[in-house]
Amino acid sequence: MASWPDLKEVRTFLRLQPDATEDGVIDTARLGAIDYMIQRLGNDSTTGLPNYPSDTTSLPDAVHQAAVQASARLYRRRDSLDGTVGFGDLGVVRIGGRDFDVERLLDTYAPLVFG
């Protein structure tokens, strides 16, 4: 079991060195990813409180990893504001809205339900 990732973990995952300006952007992405995960993982049906609040220490390892990866993806997404990435002479590629690895890690704990 784990807690939500901290700034240092996400920065390490991104292979970046500490930088005051970039750390602020990384942390914003990290907090956004955590907020999404808290909502996605839902609330306890008896108390109405989040299953994994922001101060949890009982976060499953798979969800922790999903939060790290989602944080890194959001940080890198700022380089493609319109959802595309250019590859010089090869053209432009569209980036999907969902990260399938993150979703796969979350599916055990919070399956997506359509209905």
N, C-alpha and C. Protein backbone atom coordinates (compact mmCIF):
# COMPACT_ATOMS: atom_id res chain seq x y z
N MET A 1 0.83 -1.18 0.00
CA MET A 1 0.00 0.00 0.00
C MET A 1 0.88 1.25 0.00
N ALA A 2 0.34 2.32 -0.53
CA ALA A 2 1.12 3.54 -0.71
C ALA A 2 0.24 4.76 -0.47
N SER A 3 0.82 5.92 -0.66
CA SER A 3 0.07 7.18 -0.65
C SER A 3 0.15 7.76 -2.06
N TRP A 4 -0.51 8.87 -2.26
CA TRP A 4 -0.45 9.51 -3.57
C TRP A 4 0.99 9.95 -3.84
N PRO A 5 1.42 10.00 -5.09
CA PRO A 5 2.81 10.37 -5.39
C PRO A 5 3.10 11.83 -5.03
N ASP A 6 4.34 12.07 -4.65
CA ASP A 6 4.76 13.44 -4.38
C ASP A 6 5.50 14.00 -5.60
N LEU A 7 5.84 15.26 -5.51
CA LEU A 7 6.50 15.95 -6.62
C LEU A 7 7.80 15.25 -7.02
N LYS A 8 8.58 14.85 -6.04
CA LYS A 8 9.87 14.21 -6.32
C LYS A 8 9.70 12.93 -7.13
N GLU A 9 8.69 12.13 -6.80
CA GLU A 9 8.46 10.88 -7.53
C GLU A 9 8.11 11.15 -9.00
N VAL A 10 7.26 12.12 -9.22
CA VAL A 10 6.86 12.43 -10.59
C VAL A 10 8.05 13.00 -11.36
N ARG A 11 8.80 13.89 -10.73
CA ARG A 11 9.98 14.47 -11.38
C ARG A 11 10.98 13.36 -11.74
N THR A 12 11.19 12.41 -10.85
CA THR A 12 12.09 11.29 -11.12
C THR A 12 11.58 10.46 -12.28
N PHE A 13 10.29 10.19 -12.32
CA PHE A 13 9.69 9.43 -13.41
C PHE A 13 9.92 10.14 -14.75
N LEU A 14 9.86 11.45 -14.73
CA LEU A 14 10.07 12.26 -15.94
C LEU A 14 11.56 12.41 -16.29
N ARG A 15 12.43 11.97 -15.38
CA ARG A 15 13.89 12.11 -15.54
C ARG A 15 14.31 13.58 -15.62
N LEU A 16 13.73 14.39 -14.73
CA LEU A 16 14.05 15.81 -14.68
C LEU A 16 14.74 16.16 -13.38
N GLN A 17 15.56 17.19 -13.42
CA GLN A 17 16.23 17.70 -12.23
C GLN A 17 15.34 18.77 -11.58
N PRO A 18 15.53 19.02 -10.28
CA PRO A 18 14.76 20.08 -9.64
C PRO A 18 14.95 21.43 -10.34
N ASP A 19 13.85 22.13 -10.54
CA ASP A 19 13.85 23.43 -11.18
C ASP A 19 12.61 24.15 -10.68
N ALA A 20 12.78 25.31 -10.11
CA ALA A 20 11.67 26.01 -9.47
C ALA A 20 10.49 26.24 -10.42
N THR A 21 10.77 26.63 -11.64
CA THR A 21 9.70 26.91 -12.60
C THR A 21 9.00 25.62 -13.02
N GLU A 22 9.78 24.63 -13.42
CA GLU A 22 9.21 23.36 -13.89
C GLU A 22 8.52 22.61 -12.76
N ASP A 23 9.05 22.71 -11.55
CA ASP A 23 8.43 22.02 -10.42
C ASP A 23 7.00 22.50 -10.20
N GLY A 24 6.76 23.78 -10.41
CA GLY A 24 5.40 24.30 -10.27
C GLY A 24 4.46 23.71 -11.30
N VAL A 25 4.93 23.55 -12.53
CA VAL A 25 4.11 22.98 -13.60
C VAL A 25 3.89 21.50 -13.34
N ILE A 26 4.94 20.79 -12.93
CA ILE A 26 4.82 19.36 -12.63
C ILE A 26 3.83 19.16 -11.49
N ASP A 27 3.92 19.99 -10.46
CA ASP A 27 3.04 19.83 -9.31
C ASP A 27 1.59 20.10 -9.67
N THR A 28 1.35 21.05 -10.54
CA THR A 28 -0.02 21.31 -10.99
C THR A 28 -0.57 20.09 -11.73
N ALA A 29 0.25 19.49 -12.59
CA ALA A 29 -0.16 18.27 -13.30
C ALA A 29 -0.39 17.13 -12.31
N ARG A 30 0.48 17.01 -11.32
CA ARG A 30 0.35 15.96 -10.31
C ARG A 30 -0.97 16.11 -9.53
N LEU A 31 -1.27 17.31 -9.10
CA LEU A 31 -2.50 17.54 -8.34
C LEU A 31 -3.74 17.30 -9.20
N GLY A 32 -3.67 17.66 -10.47
CA GLY A 32 -4.78 17.39 -11.38
C GLY A 32 -5.00 15.90 -11.57
N ALA A 33 -3.92 15.15 -11.72
CA ALA A 33 -4.03 13.70 -11.87
C ALA A 33 -4.61 13.06 -10.61
N ILE A 34 -4.16 13.51 -9.46
CA ILE A 34 -4.67 12.97 -8.20
C ILE A 34 -6.16 13.28 -8.05
N ASP A 35 -6.56 14.49 -8.39
CA ASP A 35 -7.97 14.86 -8.31
C ASP A 35 -8.81 13.97 -9.21
N TYR A 36 -8.33 13.72 -10.44
CA TYR A 36 -9.04 12.84 -11.37
C TYR A 36 -9.16 11.44 -10.77
N MET A 37 -8.07 10.94 -10.20
CA MET A 37 -8.08 9.58 -9.64
C MET A 37 -9.05 9.48 -8.45
N ILE A 38 -9.05 10.47 -7.59
CA ILE A 38 -9.96 10.46 -6.44
C ILE A 38 -11.41 10.38 -6.92
N GLN A 39 -11.73 11.17 -7.94
CA GLN A 39 -13.09 11.13 -8.48
C GLN A 39 -13.39 9.80 -9.16
N ARG A 40 -12.42 9.30 -9.91
CA ARG A 40 -12.60 8.04 -10.65
C ARG A 40 -12.77 6.85 -9.71
N LEU A 41 -12.08 6.88 -8.56
CA LEU A 41 -12.14 5.77 -7.61
C LEU A 41 -13.40 5.81 -6.75
N GLY A 42 -14.14 6.90 -6.81
CA GLY A 42 -15.45 6.97 -6.19
C GLY A 42 -15.46 7.19 -4.69
N ASN A 43 -16.66 7.13 -4.13
CA ASN A 43 -16.90 7.38 -2.71
C ASN A 43 -17.41 6.13 -2.02
N ASP A 44 -17.17 6.08 -0.72
CA ASP A 44 -17.70 5.01 0.11
C ASP A 44 -19.22 5.17 0.18
N SER A 45 -19.96 4.11 -0.05
CA SER A 45 -21.42 4.20 -0.11
C SER A 45 -22.05 4.51 1.25
N THR A 46 -21.38 4.19 2.34
CA THR A 46 -21.97 4.45 3.65
C THR A 46 -21.65 5.83 4.19
N THR A 47 -20.43 6.32 3.93
CA THR A 47 -20.04 7.63 4.48
C THR A 47 -20.12 8.75 3.46
N GLY A 48 -20.05 8.39 2.19
CA GLY A 48 -20.04 9.42 1.15
C GLY A 48 -18.68 10.07 0.96
N LEU A 49 -17.70 9.64 1.73
CA LEU A 49 -16.33 10.19 1.62
C LEU A 49 -15.56 9.44 0.54
N PRO A 50 -14.55 10.08 -0.06
CA PRO A 50 -13.77 9.39 -1.08
C PRO A 50 -13.15 8.09 -0.56
N ASN A 51 -13.11 7.06 -1.41
CA ASN A 51 -12.47 5.81 -1.04
C ASN A 51 -10.99 6.00 -0.75
N TYR A 52 -10.35 6.87 -1.50
CA TYR A 52 -8.92 7.16 -1.32
C TYR A 52 -8.74 8.68 -1.31
N PRO A 53 -8.93 9.32 -0.16
CA PRO A 53 -8.78 10.79 -0.08
C PRO A 53 -7.33 11.21 -0.30
N SER A 54 -7.12 12.50 -0.41
CA SER A 54 -5.78 13.02 -0.72
C SER A 54 -4.74 12.69 0.34
N ASP A 55 -5.16 12.35 1.56
CA ASP A 55 -4.20 12.03 2.62
C ASP A 55 -4.11 10.52 2.90
N THR A 56 -4.59 9.71 1.99
CA THR A 56 -4.60 8.27 2.22
C THR A 56 -3.20 7.68 2.29
N THR A 57 -3.07 6.61 3.06
CA THR A 57 -1.82 5.83 3.10
C THR A 57 -2.12 4.38 2.73
N SER A 58 -3.33 4.13 2.25
CA SER A 58 -3.73 2.76 1.89
C SER A 58 -4.03 2.64 0.40
N LEU A 59 -3.35 3.42 -0.40
CA LEU A 59 -3.56 3.42 -1.85
C LEU A 59 -2.93 2.17 -2.46
N PRO A 60 -3.67 1.42 -3.27
CA PRO A 60 -3.07 0.27 -3.93
C PRO A 60 -1.89 0.70 -4.81
N ASP A 61 -0.88 -0.15 -4.90
CA ASP A 61 0.32 0.18 -5.68
C ASP A 61 0.01 0.47 -7.15
N ALA A 62 -0.94 -0.26 -7.71
CA ALA A 62 -1.30 -0.04 -9.11
C ALA A 62 -1.88 1.36 -9.31
N VAL A 63 -2.68 1.82 -8.36
CA VAL A 63 -3.27 3.16 -8.46
C VAL A 63 -2.18 4.22 -8.26
N HIS A 64 -1.24 3.95 -7.37
CA HIS A 64 -0.11 4.86 -7.18
C HIS A 64 0.66 5.02 -8.49
N GLN A 65 0.96 3.90 -9.15
CA GLN A 65 1.68 3.95 -10.42
C GLN A 65 0.87 4.67 -11.48
N ALA A 66 -0.43 4.44 -11.51
CA ALA A 66 -1.29 5.13 -12.47
C ALA A 66 -1.25 6.64 -12.24
N ALA A 67 -1.21 7.06 -10.98
CA ALA A 67 -1.16 8.49 -10.66
C ALA A 67 0.16 9.11 -11.11
N VAL A 68 1.26 8.38 -10.94
CA VAL A 68 2.56 8.87 -11.40
C VAL A 68 2.55 9.03 -12.91
N GLN A 69 2.07 8.01 -13.61
CA GLN A 69 2.05 8.05 -15.07
C GLN A 69 1.10 9.13 -15.60
N ALA A 70 -0.05 9.27 -14.98
CA ALA A 70 -1.00 10.30 -15.41
C ALA A 70 -0.44 11.69 -15.16
N SER A 71 0.26 11.87 -14.06
CA SER A 71 0.91 13.16 -13.76
C SER A 71 1.92 13.51 -14.84
N ALA A 72 2.75 12.54 -15.19
CA ALA A 72 3.77 12.75 -16.21
C ALA A 72 3.14 13.05 -17.57
N ARG A 73 2.06 12.35 -17.88
CA ARG A 73 1.38 12.58 -19.16
C ARG A 73 0.80 13.99 -19.22
N LEU A 74 0.18 14.43 -18.12
CA LEU A 74 -0.38 15.78 -18.10
C LEU A 74 0.72 16.83 -18.23
N TYR A 75 1.84 16.59 -17.60
CA TYR A 75 2.97 17.53 -17.71
C TYR A 75 3.46 17.60 -19.16
N ARG A 76 3.66 16.47 -19.78
CA ARG A 76 4.14 16.44 -21.18
C ARG A 76 3.09 16.95 -22.16
N ARG A 77 1.83 16.88 -21.78
CA ARG A 77 0.73 17.30 -22.66
C ARG A 77 0.81 18.78 -22.99
N ARG A 78 1.47 19.56 -22.16
CA ARG A 78 1.57 21.00 -22.43
C ARG A 78 2.36 21.28 -23.71
N ASP A 79 3.12 20.30 -24.19
CA ASP A 79 3.86 20.45 -25.44
C ASP A 79 2.97 20.20 -26.66
N SER A 80 1.73 19.79 -26.41
CA SER A 80 0.82 19.52 -27.52
C SER A 80 -0.58 20.01 -27.16
N LEU A 81 -0.72 21.29 -27.04
CA LEU A 81 -1.98 21.88 -26.58
C LEU A 81 -3.18 21.52 -27.45
N ASP A 82 -2.95 21.32 -28.74
CA ASP A 82 -4.07 20.99 -29.62
C ASP A 82 -4.23 19.49 -29.81
N GLY A 83 -3.46 18.68 -29.05
CA GLY A 83 -3.59 17.23 -29.13
C GLY A 83 -2.82 16.58 -30.26
N THR A 84 -1.87 17.32 -30.84
CA THR A 84 -1.07 16.76 -31.92
C THR A 84 0.42 16.96 -31.62
N VAL A 85 1.24 16.10 -32.21
CA VAL A 85 2.69 16.22 -32.10
C VAL A 85 3.25 16.15 -33.51
N GLY A 86 4.12 17.09 -33.84
CA GLY A 86 4.74 17.10 -35.16
C GLY A 86 6.02 16.29 -35.18
N PHE A 87 6.23 15.56 -36.27
CA PHE A 87 7.43 14.76 -36.45
C PHE A 87 8.17 15.20 -37.71
N GLY A 88 8.39 16.50 -37.85
CA GLY A 88 9.16 17.03 -38.98
C GLY A 88 8.57 16.62 -40.31
N ASP A 89 9.37 15.98 -41.15
CA ASP A 89 8.93 15.56 -42.48
C ASP A 89 7.90 14.44 -42.45
N LEU A 90 7.77 13.78 -41.32
CA LEU A 90 6.83 12.66 -41.22
C LEU A 90 5.40 13.12 -41.01
N GLY A 91 5.21 14.37 -40.64
CA GLY A 91 3.86 14.89 -40.47
C GLY A 91 3.45 15.03 -39.02
N VAL A 92 2.16 15.04 -38.79
CA VAL A 92 1.58 15.28 -37.47
C VAL A 92 0.83 14.04 -37.02
N VAL A 93 0.93 13.73 -35.73
CA VAL A 93 0.24 12.59 -35.16
C VAL A 93 -0.68 13.08 -34.05
N ARG A 94 -1.89 12.57 -34.02
CA ARG A 94 -2.87 12.92 -32.98
C ARG A 94 -2.62 12.08 -31.74
N ILE A 95 -2.64 12.73 -30.58
CA ILE A 95 -2.48 12.04 -29.30
C ILE A 95 -3.86 11.77 -28.73
N GLY A 96 -4.10 10.53 -28.35
CA GLY A 96 -5.40 10.14 -27.80
C GLY A 96 -5.68 10.82 -26.47
N GLY A 97 -6.93 10.93 -26.11
CA GLY A 97 -7.32 11.59 -24.88
C GLY A 97 -7.12 10.75 -23.63
N ARG A 98 -7.03 9.45 -23.76
CA ARG A 98 -6.85 8.56 -22.61
C ARG A 98 -5.55 7.79 -22.74
N ASP A 99 -4.93 7.55 -21.61
CA ASP A 99 -3.73 6.73 -21.56
C ASP A 99 -4.17 5.32 -21.19
N PHE A 100 -4.02 4.39 -22.10
CA PHE A 100 -4.53 3.04 -21.88
C PHE A 100 -3.80 2.32 -20.74
N ASP A 101 -2.52 2.61 -20.53
CA ASP A 101 -1.81 2.01 -19.41
C ASP A 101 -2.38 2.48 -18.07
N VAL A 102 -2.66 3.76 -17.98
CA VAL A 102 -3.24 4.31 -16.75
C VAL A 102 -4.62 3.70 -16.53
N GLU A 103 -5.43 3.65 -17.56
CA GLU A 103 -6.77 3.10 -17.43
C GLU A 103 -6.74 1.62 -17.05
N ARG A 104 -5.80 0.88 -17.61
CA ARG A 104 -5.68 -0.55 -17.29
C ARG A 104 -5.31 -0.73 -15.81
N LEU A 105 -4.42 0.11 -15.30
CA LEU A 105 -4.05 0.03 -13.89
C LEU A 105 -5.24 0.36 -12.98
N LEU A 106 -6.10 1.27 -13.42
CA LEU A 106 -7.25 1.68 -12.61
C LEU A 106 -8.44 0.73 -12.70
N ASP A 107 -8.53 -0.02 -13.79
CA ASP A 107 -9.72 -0.84 -14.04
C ASP A 107 -10.04 -1.82 -12.91
N THR A 108 -9.05 -2.36 -12.25
CA THR A 108 -9.30 -3.31 -11.17
C THR A 108 -10.01 -2.63 -10.00
N TYR A 109 -9.70 -1.38 -9.77
CA TYR A 109 -10.21 -0.66 -8.61
C TYR A 109 -11.39 0.24 -8.92
N ALA A 110 -11.53 0.62 -10.19
CA ALA A 110 -12.63 1.51 -10.58
C ALA A 110 -12.94 1.30 -12.06
N PRO A 111 -13.67 0.22 -12.36
CA PRO A 111 -13.98 -0.03 -13.78
C PRO A 111 -14.85 1.10 -14.34
N LEU A 112 -14.59 1.44 -15.59
CA LEU A 112 -15.41 2.44 -16.27
C LEU A 112 -16.78 1.83 -16.57
N VAL A 113 -17.80 2.55 -16.23
CA VAL A 113 -19.17 2.06 -16.47
C VAL A 113 -19.85 3.04 -17.39
N PHE A 114 -20.43 2.52 -18.46
CA PHE A 114 -21.17 3.35 -19.39
C PHE A 114 -22.65 3.07 -19.17
N GLY A 115 -23.42 4.12 -19.13
CA GLY A 115 -24.83 3.82 -18.95
C GLY A 115 -25.66 4.97 -18.65
